[in-house]
Amino acid sequence: MSGHKYKNKLIGLTGGAGSGKSTVAKVFQRHGACVIDADSLGHGLLKGKSSCFAKVIKTFGPDILSAKKTIDRDRLGDLVFSDPAKMRRLNRIVHPVLLEEIRKRIKTCRVKYPGRPVVIDAALIMQWGLDKKLDLLVMVDSHKKLRLSRMQARGISRNKALRIMTSQMPVRRIREKAGLIISNNGTIGQLKKSAARACKDILRQNIR
């Protein structure tokens, strides 16, 4: 992916749930990066027009549907985060389609915005093996207690938040691979300043 004729750096932006990754992605976008939001793309694949929609319902049954016959992501999440086998079944349906969509978005960004860094914002970058194709892996790192409290502030129960954390790759393994770590153990203002500095550094390297 990184050997394209345009000189866009391919950046992976990752971190555990509640780390503040989405905030950093928004800062990167404001500073000129072309951001691909894997989470948002994944949500789109659970909607009616997607090829994944019928397969997910067939696999997990009608109980995951809302009154409007849409997939209720909270119900689906409760199922898969409490059962690793079900999580694997969901991933086998959604991830191949999602990765193909990410590849298309990378090409589009490179053509539309030559010279700008292309940022893949995704929690599962290493699980997908995308870290091997990146110019740089950026990790947003935060203490577990802080991540937990942020998730609970978003209305996620403590038990569900812990199950989500357990389902993800251990943060120490991501730290080992990351070329740049943005710490988020302070205020949101401090995080935004750190993210802006990091993005400016990446942009300067990109121009050279």
N, C-alpha and C. Protein backbone atom coordinates (compact mmCIF):
# COMPACT_ATOMS: atom_id res chain seq x y z
N MET A 1 0.81 -1.21 0.00
CA MET A 1 0.00 0.00 0.00
C MET A 1 0.85 1.27 0.00
N SER A 2 2.05 1.19 0.61
CA SER A 2 2.82 2.41 0.80
C SER A 2 3.68 2.79 -0.42
N GLY A 3 3.84 1.88 -1.41
CA GLY A 3 4.68 2.17 -2.55
C GLY A 3 3.95 2.82 -3.71
N HIS A 4 3.05 3.73 -3.44
CA HIS A 4 2.24 4.38 -4.45
C HIS A 4 3.02 5.52 -5.08
N LYS A 5 2.65 5.92 -6.32
CA LYS A 5 3.40 6.97 -6.98
C LYS A 5 3.26 8.32 -6.27
N TYR A 6 2.12 8.55 -5.59
CA TYR A 6 1.98 9.75 -4.78
C TYR A 6 2.72 9.53 -3.46
N LYS A 7 3.28 10.64 -2.93
CA LYS A 7 4.14 10.51 -1.74
C LYS A 7 3.33 10.65 -0.44
N ASN A 8 2.17 10.06 -0.40
CA ASN A 8 1.39 10.09 0.84
C ASN A 8 1.95 9.05 1.81
N LYS A 9 2.24 9.49 3.02
CA LYS A 9 2.59 8.50 4.04
C LYS A 9 1.32 7.80 4.49
N LEU A 10 1.43 6.49 4.75
CA LEU A 10 0.29 5.73 5.26
C LEU A 10 0.49 5.54 6.76
N ILE A 11 -0.41 6.15 7.54
CA ILE A 11 -0.29 6.16 8.99
C ILE A 11 -1.41 5.31 9.60
N GLY A 12 -1.07 4.49 10.56
CA GLY A 12 -2.08 3.78 11.33
C GLY A 12 -2.27 4.48 12.67
N LEU A 13 -3.51 4.72 13.04
CA LEU A 13 -3.80 5.35 14.33
C LEU A 13 -4.62 4.37 15.15
N THR A 14 -4.07 3.94 16.28
CA THR A 14 -4.74 2.89 17.04
C THR A 14 -4.62 3.15 18.54
N GLY A 15 -5.29 2.32 19.31
CA GLY A 15 -5.29 2.43 20.77
C GLY A 15 -6.47 1.65 21.31
N GLY A 16 -6.41 1.28 22.58
CA GLY A 16 -7.49 0.53 23.18
C GLY A 16 -8.76 1.36 23.32
N ALA A 17 -9.87 0.69 23.56
CA ALA A 17 -11.15 1.37 23.76
C ALA A 17 -11.03 2.38 24.90
N GLY A 18 -11.55 3.59 24.67
CA GLY A 18 -11.49 4.63 25.68
C GLY A 18 -10.17 5.37 25.76
N SER A 19 -9.28 5.12 24.80
CA SER A 19 -7.95 5.75 24.85
C SER A 19 -7.96 7.21 24.41
N GLY A 20 -8.96 7.60 23.62
CA GLY A 20 -9.00 8.97 23.07
C GLY A 20 -8.59 9.02 21.62
N LYS A 21 -8.54 7.87 20.98
CA LYS A 21 -8.12 7.75 19.58
C LYS A 21 -8.97 8.61 18.63
N SER A 22 -10.28 8.63 18.84
CA SER A 22 -11.17 9.38 17.95
C SER A 22 -10.90 10.88 18.03
N THR A 23 -10.57 11.36 19.22
CA THR A 23 -10.23 12.78 19.39
C THR A 23 -8.97 13.11 18.61
N VAL A 24 -7.97 12.24 18.68
CA VAL A 24 -6.72 12.45 17.95
C VAL A 24 -6.99 12.42 16.44
N ALA A 25 -7.84 11.52 15.99
CA ALA A 25 -8.17 11.43 14.55
C ALA A 25 -8.77 12.74 14.06
N LYS A 26 -9.64 13.36 14.86
CA LYS A 26 -10.26 14.63 14.46
C LYS A 26 -9.22 15.74 14.36
N VAL A 27 -8.26 15.75 15.28
CA VAL A 27 -7.18 16.74 15.23
C VAL A 27 -6.34 16.54 13.97
N PHE A 28 -6.00 15.30 13.68
CA PHE A 28 -5.23 14.99 12.47
C PHE A 28 -5.97 15.49 11.22
N GLN A 29 -7.27 15.25 11.20
CA GLN A 29 -8.09 15.66 10.05
C GLN A 29 -8.06 17.19 9.89
N ARG A 30 -8.20 17.89 11.02
CA ARG A 30 -8.19 19.36 10.97
C ARG A 30 -6.86 19.90 10.46
N HIS A 31 -5.79 19.14 10.67
CA HIS A 31 -4.47 19.58 10.23
C HIS A 31 -4.10 19.07 8.83
N GLY A 32 -5.08 18.52 8.12
CA GLY A 32 -4.85 18.21 6.72
C GLY A 32 -4.69 16.75 6.36
N ALA A 33 -4.73 15.85 7.35
CA ALA A 33 -4.63 14.42 7.03
C ALA A 33 -5.95 13.92 6.44
N CYS A 34 -5.86 12.93 5.57
CA CYS A 34 -7.05 12.26 5.03
C CYS A 34 -7.32 11.05 5.94
N VAL A 35 -8.37 11.15 6.76
CA VAL A 35 -8.63 10.13 7.78
C VAL A 35 -9.68 9.14 7.31
N ILE A 36 -9.38 7.86 7.45
CA ILE A 36 -10.32 6.78 7.15
C ILE A 36 -10.77 6.19 8.48
N ASP A 37 -12.03 6.37 8.81
CA ASP A 37 -12.59 5.94 10.09
C ASP A 37 -13.16 4.52 9.95
N ALA A 38 -12.37 3.53 10.37
CA ALA A 38 -12.77 2.13 10.20
C ALA A 38 -14.03 1.80 10.99
N ASP A 39 -14.17 2.42 12.16
CA ASP A 39 -15.34 2.17 13.01
C ASP A 39 -16.62 2.61 12.30
N SER A 40 -16.56 3.79 11.71
CA SER A 40 -17.72 4.32 10.99
C SER A 40 -18.05 3.46 9.77
N LEU A 41 -17.02 3.02 9.06
CA LEU A 41 -17.24 2.13 7.90
C LEU A 41 -17.87 0.81 8.35
N GLY A 42 -17.38 0.29 9.49
CA GLY A 42 -17.93 -0.96 10.03
C GLY A 42 -19.39 -0.83 10.41
N HIS A 43 -19.76 0.31 10.98
CA HIS A 43 -21.16 0.56 11.32
C HIS A 43 -22.02 0.57 10.06
N GLY A 44 -21.47 1.16 8.99
CA GLY A 44 -22.19 1.22 7.72
C GLY A 44 -22.47 -0.16 7.15
N LEU A 45 -21.57 -1.12 7.44
CA LEU A 45 -21.74 -2.48 6.93
C LEU A 45 -22.83 -3.26 7.66
N LEU A 46 -23.33 -2.70 8.75
CA LEU A 46 -24.44 -3.36 9.48
C LEU A 46 -25.79 -2.77 9.08
N LYS A 47 -25.78 -1.92 8.06
CA LYS A 47 -27.04 -1.31 7.60
C LYS A 47 -27.61 -2.09 6.42
N GLY A 48 -28.89 -1.85 6.15
CA GLY A 48 -29.67 -2.66 5.20
C GLY A 48 -29.10 -2.85 3.82
N LYS A 49 -28.44 -1.84 3.26
CA LYS A 49 -27.97 -1.93 1.88
C LYS A 49 -26.65 -2.70 1.75
N SER A 50 -26.04 -3.03 2.87
CA SER A 50 -24.75 -3.72 2.83
C SER A 50 -24.91 -5.21 2.56
N SER A 51 -23.90 -5.79 1.93
CA SER A 51 -23.90 -7.24 1.66
C SER A 51 -23.78 -8.04 2.96
N CYS A 52 -23.31 -7.39 4.02
CA CYS A 52 -23.13 -8.07 5.31
C CYS A 52 -24.43 -8.19 6.10
N PHE A 53 -25.39 -7.31 5.83
CA PHE A 53 -26.59 -7.18 6.66
C PHE A 53 -27.32 -8.51 6.82
N ALA A 54 -27.70 -9.13 5.70
CA ALA A 54 -28.48 -10.38 5.75
C ALA A 54 -27.67 -11.51 6.39
N LYS A 55 -26.36 -11.54 6.12
CA LYS A 55 -25.50 -12.60 6.68
C LYS A 55 -25.43 -12.50 8.21
N VAL A 56 -25.35 -11.28 8.72
CA VAL A 56 -25.27 -11.08 10.17
C VAL A 56 -26.58 -11.52 10.83
N ILE A 57 -27.71 -11.16 10.23
CA ILE A 57 -29.01 -11.55 10.79
C ILE A 57 -29.18 -13.07 10.74
N LYS A 58 -28.77 -13.66 9.62
CA LYS A 58 -28.89 -15.13 9.48
C LYS A 58 -28.02 -15.83 10.53
N THR A 59 -26.86 -15.28 10.82
CA THR A 59 -25.91 -15.89 11.76
C THR A 59 -26.36 -15.73 13.21
N PHE A 60 -26.87 -14.54 13.56
CA PHE A 60 -27.14 -14.25 14.97
C PHE A 60 -28.63 -14.20 15.32
N GLY A 61 -29.49 -14.32 14.32
CA GLY A 61 -30.92 -14.42 14.59
C GLY A 61 -31.63 -13.07 14.68
N PRO A 62 -32.97 -13.10 14.63
CA PRO A 62 -33.77 -11.86 14.61
C PRO A 62 -33.75 -11.08 15.92
N ASP A 63 -33.24 -11.67 17.00
CA ASP A 63 -33.22 -10.96 18.29
C ASP A 63 -32.30 -9.75 18.27
N ILE A 64 -31.40 -9.67 17.29
CA ILE A 64 -30.48 -8.52 17.23
C ILE A 64 -31.12 -7.33 16.52
N LEU A 65 -32.36 -7.51 16.01
CA LEU A 65 -33.04 -6.43 15.28
C LEU A 65 -33.80 -5.51 16.22
N SER A 66 -33.82 -4.24 15.86
CA SER A 66 -34.63 -3.26 16.59
C SER A 66 -36.07 -3.33 16.10
N ALA A 67 -36.94 -2.52 16.70
CA ALA A 67 -38.35 -2.45 16.27
C ALA A 67 -38.46 -1.99 14.82
N LYS A 68 -37.45 -1.23 14.35
CA LYS A 68 -37.46 -0.73 12.96
C LYS A 68 -36.78 -1.69 11.98
N LYS A 69 -36.48 -2.90 12.46
CA LYS A 69 -35.85 -3.95 11.64
C LYS A 69 -34.43 -3.57 11.18
N THR A 70 -33.77 -2.75 11.99
CA THR A 70 -32.35 -2.47 11.77
C THR A 70 -31.56 -3.26 12.81
N ILE A 71 -30.28 -3.51 12.53
CA ILE A 71 -29.45 -4.22 13.50
C ILE A 71 -29.17 -3.30 14.68
N ASP A 72 -29.54 -3.76 15.87
CA ASP A 72 -29.28 -3.03 17.11
C ASP A 72 -27.85 -3.35 17.54
N ARG A 73 -26.95 -2.40 17.37
CA ARG A 73 -25.53 -2.67 17.63
C ARG A 73 -25.26 -2.96 19.10
N ASP A 74 -26.07 -2.41 19.99
CA ASP A 74 -25.90 -2.71 21.42
C ASP A 74 -26.22 -4.18 21.70
N ARG A 75 -27.32 -4.67 21.12
CA ARG A 75 -27.67 -6.09 21.31
C ARG A 75 -26.62 -7.01 20.70
N LEU A 76 -26.19 -6.66 19.49
CA LEU A 76 -25.17 -7.46 18.83
C LEU A 76 -23.87 -7.44 19.64
N GLY A 77 -23.52 -6.25 20.14
CA GLY A 77 -22.31 -6.12 20.96
C GLY A 77 -22.37 -6.95 22.23
N ASP A 78 -23.54 -6.96 22.88
CA ASP A 78 -23.70 -7.77 24.09
C ASP A 78 -23.46 -9.25 23.79
N LEU A 79 -23.90 -9.70 22.61
CA LEU A 79 -23.71 -11.10 22.22
C LEU A 79 -22.24 -11.42 21.98
N VAL A 80 -21.58 -10.61 21.15
CA VAL A 80 -20.24 -10.98 20.68
C VAL A 80 -19.15 -10.69 21.71
N PHE A 81 -19.33 -9.64 22.52
CA PHE A 81 -18.28 -9.33 23.49
C PHE A 81 -18.29 -10.29 24.68
N SER A 82 -19.37 -11.05 24.83
CA SER A 82 -19.41 -12.04 25.91
C SER A 82 -19.08 -13.45 25.42
N ASP A 83 -18.82 -13.59 24.12
CA ASP A 83 -18.58 -14.92 23.55
C ASP A 83 -17.55 -14.82 22.42
N PRO A 84 -16.28 -15.17 22.67
CA PRO A 84 -15.24 -15.04 21.65
C PRO A 84 -15.56 -15.78 20.35
N ALA A 85 -16.25 -16.92 20.43
CA ALA A 85 -16.59 -17.67 19.21
C ALA A 85 -17.56 -16.87 18.33
N LYS A 86 -18.51 -16.21 18.97
CA LYS A 86 -19.46 -15.37 18.22
C LYS A 86 -18.76 -14.15 17.62
N MET A 87 -17.81 -13.60 18.39
CA MET A 87 -17.02 -12.47 17.86
C MET A 87 -16.27 -12.89 16.60
N ARG A 88 -15.69 -14.08 16.63
CA ARG A 88 -14.95 -14.57 15.45
C ARG A 88 -15.90 -14.73 14.26
N ARG A 89 -17.12 -15.23 14.51
CA ARG A 89 -18.08 -15.42 13.43
C ARG A 89 -18.48 -14.07 12.81
N LEU A 90 -18.69 -13.07 13.67
CA LEU A 90 -19.03 -11.74 13.16
C LEU A 90 -17.87 -11.16 12.34
N ASN A 91 -16.66 -11.31 12.87
CA ASN A 91 -15.48 -10.78 12.18
C ASN A 91 -15.27 -11.43 10.81
N ARG A 92 -15.57 -12.73 10.72
CA ARG A 92 -15.42 -13.43 9.43
C ARG A 92 -16.37 -12.87 8.38
N ILE A 93 -17.52 -12.38 8.81
CA ILE A 93 -18.49 -11.79 7.88
C ILE A 93 -18.09 -10.37 7.49
N VAL A 94 -17.75 -9.57 8.50
CA VAL A 94 -17.59 -8.13 8.28
C VAL A 94 -16.19 -7.72 7.84
N HIS A 95 -15.15 -8.32 8.42
CA HIS A 95 -13.80 -7.81 8.21
C HIS A 95 -13.30 -7.88 6.76
N PRO A 96 -13.53 -8.95 6.01
CA PRO A 96 -13.05 -8.94 4.62
C PRO A 96 -13.65 -7.79 3.80
N VAL A 97 -14.94 -7.52 4.01
CA VAL A 97 -15.61 -6.43 3.28
C VAL A 97 -15.07 -5.09 3.76
N LEU A 98 -14.88 -4.96 5.06
CA LEU A 98 -14.36 -3.72 5.64
C LEU A 98 -12.95 -3.43 5.14
N LEU A 99 -12.09 -4.43 5.11
CA LEU A 99 -10.71 -4.22 4.66
C LEU A 99 -10.65 -3.83 3.19
N GLU A 100 -11.53 -4.40 2.39
CA GLU A 100 -11.60 -4.03 0.97
C GLU A 100 -12.03 -2.57 0.83
N GLU A 101 -12.98 -2.15 1.66
CA GLU A 101 -13.44 -0.75 1.64
C GLU A 101 -12.32 0.19 2.09
N ILE A 102 -11.54 -0.21 3.09
CA ILE A 102 -10.41 0.60 3.54
C ILE A 102 -9.39 0.76 2.41
N ARG A 103 -9.10 -0.34 1.70
CA ARG A 103 -8.15 -0.28 0.57
C ARG A 103 -8.64 0.71 -0.50
N LYS A 104 -9.95 0.67 -0.78
CA LYS A 104 -10.51 1.61 -1.77
C LYS A 104 -10.36 3.05 -1.30
N ARG A 105 -10.62 3.28 -0.01
CA ARG A 105 -10.52 4.64 0.54
C ARG A 105 -9.08 5.16 0.50
N ILE A 106 -8.11 4.26 0.74
CA ILE A 106 -6.70 4.67 0.66
C ILE A 106 -6.37 5.17 -0.74
N LYS A 107 -6.81 4.41 -1.75
CA LYS A 107 -6.55 4.82 -3.15
C LYS A 107 -7.21 6.16 -3.45
N THR A 108 -8.45 6.33 -2.99
CA THR A 108 -9.17 7.58 -3.23
C THR A 108 -8.45 8.76 -2.58
N CYS A 109 -8.02 8.59 -1.33
CA CYS A 109 -7.30 9.66 -0.63
C CYS A 109 -6.02 10.04 -1.38
N ARG A 110 -5.32 9.04 -1.87
CA ARG A 110 -4.04 9.31 -2.54
C ARG A 110 -4.23 10.06 -3.85
N VAL A 111 -5.32 9.77 -4.53
CA VAL A 111 -5.60 10.45 -5.80
C VAL A 111 -6.13 11.87 -5.54
N LYS A 112 -7.04 12.00 -4.57
CA LYS A 112 -7.67 13.31 -4.31
C LYS A 112 -6.75 14.26 -3.56
N TYR A 113 -5.90 13.71 -2.68
CA TYR A 113 -5.06 14.57 -1.83
C TYR A 113 -3.59 14.15 -1.90
N PRO A 114 -2.98 14.26 -3.08
CA PRO A 114 -1.57 13.87 -3.19
C PRO A 114 -0.70 14.68 -2.24
N GLY A 115 0.20 13.97 -1.54
CA GLY A 115 1.10 14.63 -0.61
C GLY A 115 0.62 14.65 0.82
N ARG A 116 -0.68 14.43 1.05
CA ARG A 116 -1.18 14.44 2.42
C ARG A 116 -1.06 13.05 3.04
N PRO A 117 -0.78 12.98 4.34
CA PRO A 117 -0.77 11.66 4.96
C PRO A 117 -2.17 11.05 4.98
N VAL A 118 -2.22 9.74 4.76
CA VAL A 118 -3.48 9.00 4.84
C VAL A 118 -3.47 8.25 6.16
N VAL A 119 -4.49 8.50 6.99
CA VAL A 119 -4.54 7.94 8.34
C VAL A 119 -5.67 6.93 8.45
N ILE A 120 -5.33 5.69 8.80
CA ILE A 120 -6.35 4.67 9.07
C ILE A 120 -6.60 4.68 10.58
N ASP A 121 -7.78 5.10 10.97
CA ASP A 121 -8.17 5.16 12.38
C ASP A 121 -8.90 3.85 12.70
N ALA A 122 -8.21 2.94 13.40
CA ALA A 122 -8.79 1.61 13.66
C ALA A 122 -8.15 0.95 14.88
N ALA A 123 -8.99 0.34 15.70
CA ALA A 123 -8.50 -0.37 16.89
C ALA A 123 -7.79 -1.67 16.51
N LEU A 124 -8.15 -2.24 15.34
CA LEU A 124 -7.68 -3.60 15.00
C LEU A 124 -6.57 -3.62 13.95
N ILE A 125 -5.83 -2.53 13.82
CA ILE A 125 -4.79 -2.45 12.80
C ILE A 125 -3.82 -3.63 12.86
N MET A 126 -3.37 -3.98 14.05
CA MET A 126 -2.41 -5.07 14.16
C MET A 126 -3.05 -6.43 13.94
N GLN A 127 -4.27 -6.61 14.42
CA GLN A 127 -4.97 -7.88 14.19
C GLN A 127 -5.18 -8.13 12.70
N TRP A 128 -5.40 -7.07 11.94
CA TRP A 128 -5.61 -7.20 10.49
C TRP A 128 -4.30 -7.35 9.72
N GLY A 129 -3.17 -7.13 10.40
CA GLY A 129 -1.88 -7.20 9.71
C GLY A 129 -1.54 -5.95 8.93
N LEU A 130 -2.33 -4.89 9.10
CA LEU A 130 -2.08 -3.65 8.35
C LEU A 130 -0.83 -2.93 8.83
N ASP A 131 -0.38 -3.23 10.07
CA ASP A 131 0.82 -2.57 10.59
C ASP A 131 2.04 -2.84 9.71
N LYS A 132 2.03 -3.96 8.99
CA LYS A 132 3.17 -4.31 8.12
C LYS A 132 3.20 -3.46 6.85
N LYS A 133 2.09 -2.78 6.54
CA LYS A 133 2.00 -1.98 5.32
C LYS A 133 2.12 -0.48 5.58
N LEU A 134 2.30 -0.11 6.85
CA LEU A 134 2.30 1.30 7.23
C LEU A 134 3.68 1.93 7.16
N ASP A 135 3.70 3.25 6.99
CA ASP A 135 4.93 4.02 7.16
C ASP A 135 5.14 4.34 8.64
N LEU A 136 4.03 4.45 9.39
CA LEU A 136 4.14 4.77 10.81
C LEU A 136 2.88 4.28 11.53
N LEU A 137 3.08 3.66 12.70
CA LEU A 137 1.96 3.28 13.56
C LEU A 137 1.95 4.23 14.77
N VAL A 138 0.85 4.96 14.92
CA VAL A 138 0.68 5.89 16.04
C VAL A 138 -0.29 5.25 17.03
N MET A 139 0.11 5.24 18.29
CA MET A 139 -0.75 4.69 19.34
C MET A 139 -1.16 5.80 20.31
N VAL A 140 -2.45 5.84 20.65
CA VAL A 140 -2.92 6.71 21.73
C VAL A 140 -2.99 5.83 22.97
N ASP A 141 -2.21 6.21 23.98
CA ASP A 141 -2.06 5.36 25.17
C ASP A 141 -2.65 6.06 26.39
N SER A 142 -3.28 5.28 27.25
CA SER A 142 -3.93 5.84 28.43
C SER A 142 -4.04 4.77 29.50
N HIS A 143 -4.01 5.19 30.77
CA HIS A 143 -4.15 4.24 31.88
C HIS A 143 -5.49 3.51 31.81
N LYS A 144 -5.49 2.27 32.22
CA LYS A 144 -6.71 1.45 32.14
C LYS A 144 -7.87 2.06 32.91
N LYS A 145 -7.61 2.61 34.10
CA LYS A 145 -8.69 3.20 34.91
C LYS A 145 -9.34 4.37 34.19
N LEU A 146 -8.53 5.18 33.53
CA LEU A 146 -9.05 6.33 32.79
C LEU A 146 -9.89 5.87 31.60
N ARG A 147 -9.39 4.87 30.89
CA ARG A 147 -10.14 4.34 29.74
C ARG A 147 -11.49 3.80 30.19
N LEU A 148 -11.48 3.10 31.31
CA LEU A 148 -12.70 2.52 31.85
C LEU A 148 -13.70 3.62 32.22
N SER A 149 -13.22 4.66 32.87
CA SER A 149 -14.13 5.74 33.30
C SER A 149 -14.69 6.49 32.09
N ARG A 150 -13.90 6.65 31.03
CA ARG A 150 -14.40 7.32 29.82
C ARG A 150 -15.50 6.50 29.16
N MET A 151 -15.30 5.21 29.11
CA MET A 151 -16.32 4.34 28.50
C MET A 151 -17.61 4.36 29.32
N GLN A 152 -17.46 4.35 30.64
CA GLN A 152 -18.64 4.40 31.50
C GLN A 152 -19.37 5.74 31.35
N ALA A 153 -18.59 6.82 31.13
CA ALA A 153 -19.20 8.14 30.92
C ALA A 153 -20.02 8.18 29.62
N ARG A 154 -19.68 7.28 28.69
CA ARG A 154 -20.45 7.20 27.43
C ARG A 154 -21.66 6.28 27.56
N GLY A 155 -21.92 5.79 28.78
CA GLY A 155 -23.10 4.96 29.01
C GLY A 155 -22.86 3.46 28.88
N ILE A 156 -21.58 3.06 28.78
CA ILE A 156 -21.25 1.63 28.69
C ILE A 156 -21.07 1.10 30.12
N SER A 157 -21.72 0.00 30.45
CA SER A 157 -21.59 -0.55 31.80
C SER A 157 -20.14 -0.99 32.06
N ARG A 158 -19.76 -1.02 33.32
CA ARG A 158 -18.40 -1.42 33.68
C ARG A 158 -18.08 -2.82 33.17
N ASN A 159 -19.02 -3.76 33.34
CA ASN A 159 -18.78 -5.14 32.90
C ASN A 159 -18.59 -5.22 31.39
N LYS A 160 -19.44 -4.49 30.64
CA LYS A 160 -19.31 -4.52 29.19
C LYS A 160 -18.00 -3.87 28.75
N ALA A 161 -17.63 -2.76 29.41
CA ALA A 161 -16.37 -2.08 29.09
C ALA A 161 -15.18 -3.01 29.31
N LEU A 162 -15.21 -3.76 30.40
CA LEU A 162 -14.12 -4.71 30.68
C LEU A 162 -14.08 -5.82 29.65
N ARG A 163 -15.27 -6.28 29.21
CA ARG A 163 -15.31 -7.34 28.17
C ARG A 163 -14.74 -6.81 26.85
N ILE A 164 -15.07 -5.56 26.52
CA ILE A 164 -14.53 -4.96 25.29
C ILE A 164 -13.01 -4.88 25.37
N MET A 165 -12.50 -4.43 26.52
CA MET A 165 -11.04 -4.33 26.70
C MET A 165 -10.37 -5.69 26.57
N THR A 166 -10.98 -6.70 27.17
CA THR A 166 -10.42 -8.06 27.14
C THR A 166 -10.39 -8.61 25.72
N SER A 167 -11.37 -8.22 24.90
CA SER A 167 -11.45 -8.74 23.53
C SER A 167 -10.39 -8.12 22.62
N GLN A 168 -9.79 -7.00 23.05
CA GLN A 168 -8.82 -6.31 22.21
C GLN A 168 -7.39 -6.79 22.50
N MET A 169 -6.50 -6.47 21.56
CA MET A 169 -5.10 -6.84 21.74
C MET A 169 -4.51 -6.13 22.97
N PRO A 170 -3.70 -6.83 23.77
CA PRO A 170 -3.08 -6.17 24.93
C PRO A 170 -2.30 -4.92 24.52
N VAL A 171 -2.48 -3.84 25.27
CA VAL A 171 -1.85 -2.57 24.88
C VAL A 171 -0.32 -2.66 24.86
N ARG A 172 0.26 -3.52 25.69
CA ARG A 172 1.73 -3.63 25.69
C ARG A 172 2.26 -4.11 24.34
N ARG A 173 1.48 -4.97 23.65
CA ARG A 173 1.90 -5.43 22.32
C ARG A 173 1.83 -4.32 21.29
N ILE A 174 0.83 -3.45 21.44
CA ILE A 174 0.73 -2.31 20.52
C ILE A 174 1.89 -1.34 20.78
N ARG A 175 2.18 -1.10 22.07
CA ARG A 175 3.30 -0.21 22.42
C ARG A 175 4.60 -0.66 21.78
N GLU A 176 4.82 -1.97 21.76
CA GLU A 176 6.07 -2.52 21.20
C GLU A 176 6.21 -2.20 19.72
N LYS A 177 5.09 -2.11 19.01
CA LYS A 177 5.10 -1.90 17.56
C LYS A 177 4.99 -0.43 17.16
N ALA A 178 4.47 0.40 18.07
CA ALA A 178 4.19 1.80 17.72
C ALA A 178 5.47 2.59 17.48
N GLY A 179 5.46 3.38 16.41
CA GLY A 179 6.59 4.27 16.14
C GLY A 179 6.43 5.60 16.85
N LEU A 180 5.20 5.91 17.24
CA LEU A 180 4.91 7.15 17.96
C LEU A 180 3.78 6.88 18.95
N ILE A 181 3.97 7.29 20.19
CA ILE A 181 2.94 7.10 21.22
C ILE A 181 2.49 8.47 21.73
N ILE A 182 1.18 8.72 21.66
CA ILE A 182 0.59 9.95 22.19
C ILE A 182 -0.08 9.59 23.51
N SER A 183 0.41 10.17 24.60
CA SER A 183 -0.13 9.85 25.92
C SER A 183 -1.40 10.66 26.19
N ASN A 184 -2.40 9.99 26.76
CA ASN A 184 -3.65 10.68 27.10
C ASN A 184 -4.03 10.36 28.54
N ASN A 185 -3.25 10.92 29.47
CA ASN A 185 -3.53 10.72 30.89
C ASN A 185 -3.85 12.05 31.59
N GLY A 186 -4.07 13.09 30.77
CA GLY A 186 -4.38 14.41 31.32
C GLY A 186 -5.73 14.90 30.82
N THR A 187 -5.79 16.19 30.50
CA THR A 187 -7.04 16.79 30.03
C THR A 187 -7.20 16.59 28.53
N ILE A 188 -8.42 16.84 28.04
CA ILE A 188 -8.65 16.73 26.60
C ILE A 188 -7.88 17.82 25.86
N GLY A 189 -7.69 18.97 26.51
CA GLY A 189 -6.91 20.05 25.90
C GLY A 189 -5.46 19.64 25.70
N GLN A 190 -4.90 18.97 26.70
CA GLN A 190 -3.51 18.48 26.58
C GLN A 190 -3.40 17.45 25.46
N LEU A 191 -4.41 16.58 25.34
CA LEU A 191 -4.40 15.57 24.29
C LEU A 191 -4.43 16.23 22.92
N LYS A 192 -5.28 17.24 22.75
CA LYS A 192 -5.38 17.92 21.45
C LYS A 192 -4.08 18.61 21.08
N LYS A 193 -3.40 19.19 22.07
CA LYS A 193 -2.10 19.84 21.80
C LYS A 193 -1.06 18.80 21.38
N SER A 194 -1.02 17.67 22.09
CA SER A 194 -0.07 16.60 21.75
C SER A 194 -0.35 16.06 20.34
N ALA A 195 -1.63 15.89 20.02
CA ALA A 195 -2.02 15.38 18.71
C ALA A 195 -1.65 16.37 17.61
N ALA A 196 -1.85 17.66 17.85
CA ALA A 196 -1.52 18.69 16.86
C ALA A 196 -0.01 18.70 16.59
N ARG A 197 0.79 18.60 17.67
CA ARG A 197 2.26 18.56 17.50
C ARG A 197 2.68 17.35 16.67
N ALA A 198 2.09 16.20 17.01
CA ALA A 198 2.43 14.96 16.29
C ALA A 198 2.06 15.08 14.81
N CYS A 199 0.88 15.63 14.54
CA CYS A 199 0.44 15.73 13.14
C CYS A 199 1.33 16.69 12.35
N LYS A 200 1.71 17.79 12.97
CA LYS A 200 2.59 18.76 12.29
C LYS A 200 3.94 18.11 11.95
N ASP A 201 4.47 17.31 12.89
CA ASP A 201 5.72 16.60 12.64
C ASP A 201 5.58 15.64 11.46
N ILE A 202 4.45 14.90 11.44
CA ILE A 202 4.21 13.95 10.35
C ILE A 202 4.09 14.68 9.02
N LEU A 203 3.38 15.82 9.01
CA LEU A 203 3.21 16.61 7.78
C LEU A 203 4.55 17.13 7.28
N ARG A 204 5.40 17.59 8.20
CA ARG A 204 6.73 18.09 7.79
C ARG A 204 7.53 16.98 7.13
N GLN A 205 7.50 15.79 7.73
CA GLN A 205 8.21 14.64 7.15
C GLN A 205 7.63 14.26 5.80
N ASN A 206 6.33 14.44 5.65
CA ASN A 206 5.63 14.06 4.42
C ASN A 206 6.04 14.95 3.25
N ILE A 207 6.32 16.22 3.56
CA ILE A 207 6.63 17.19 2.50
C ILE A 207 8.03 16.96 1.96
N ARG A 208 8.94 16.45 2.81
CA ARG A 208 10.33 16.28 2.39
C ARG A 208 10.50 15.29 1.25
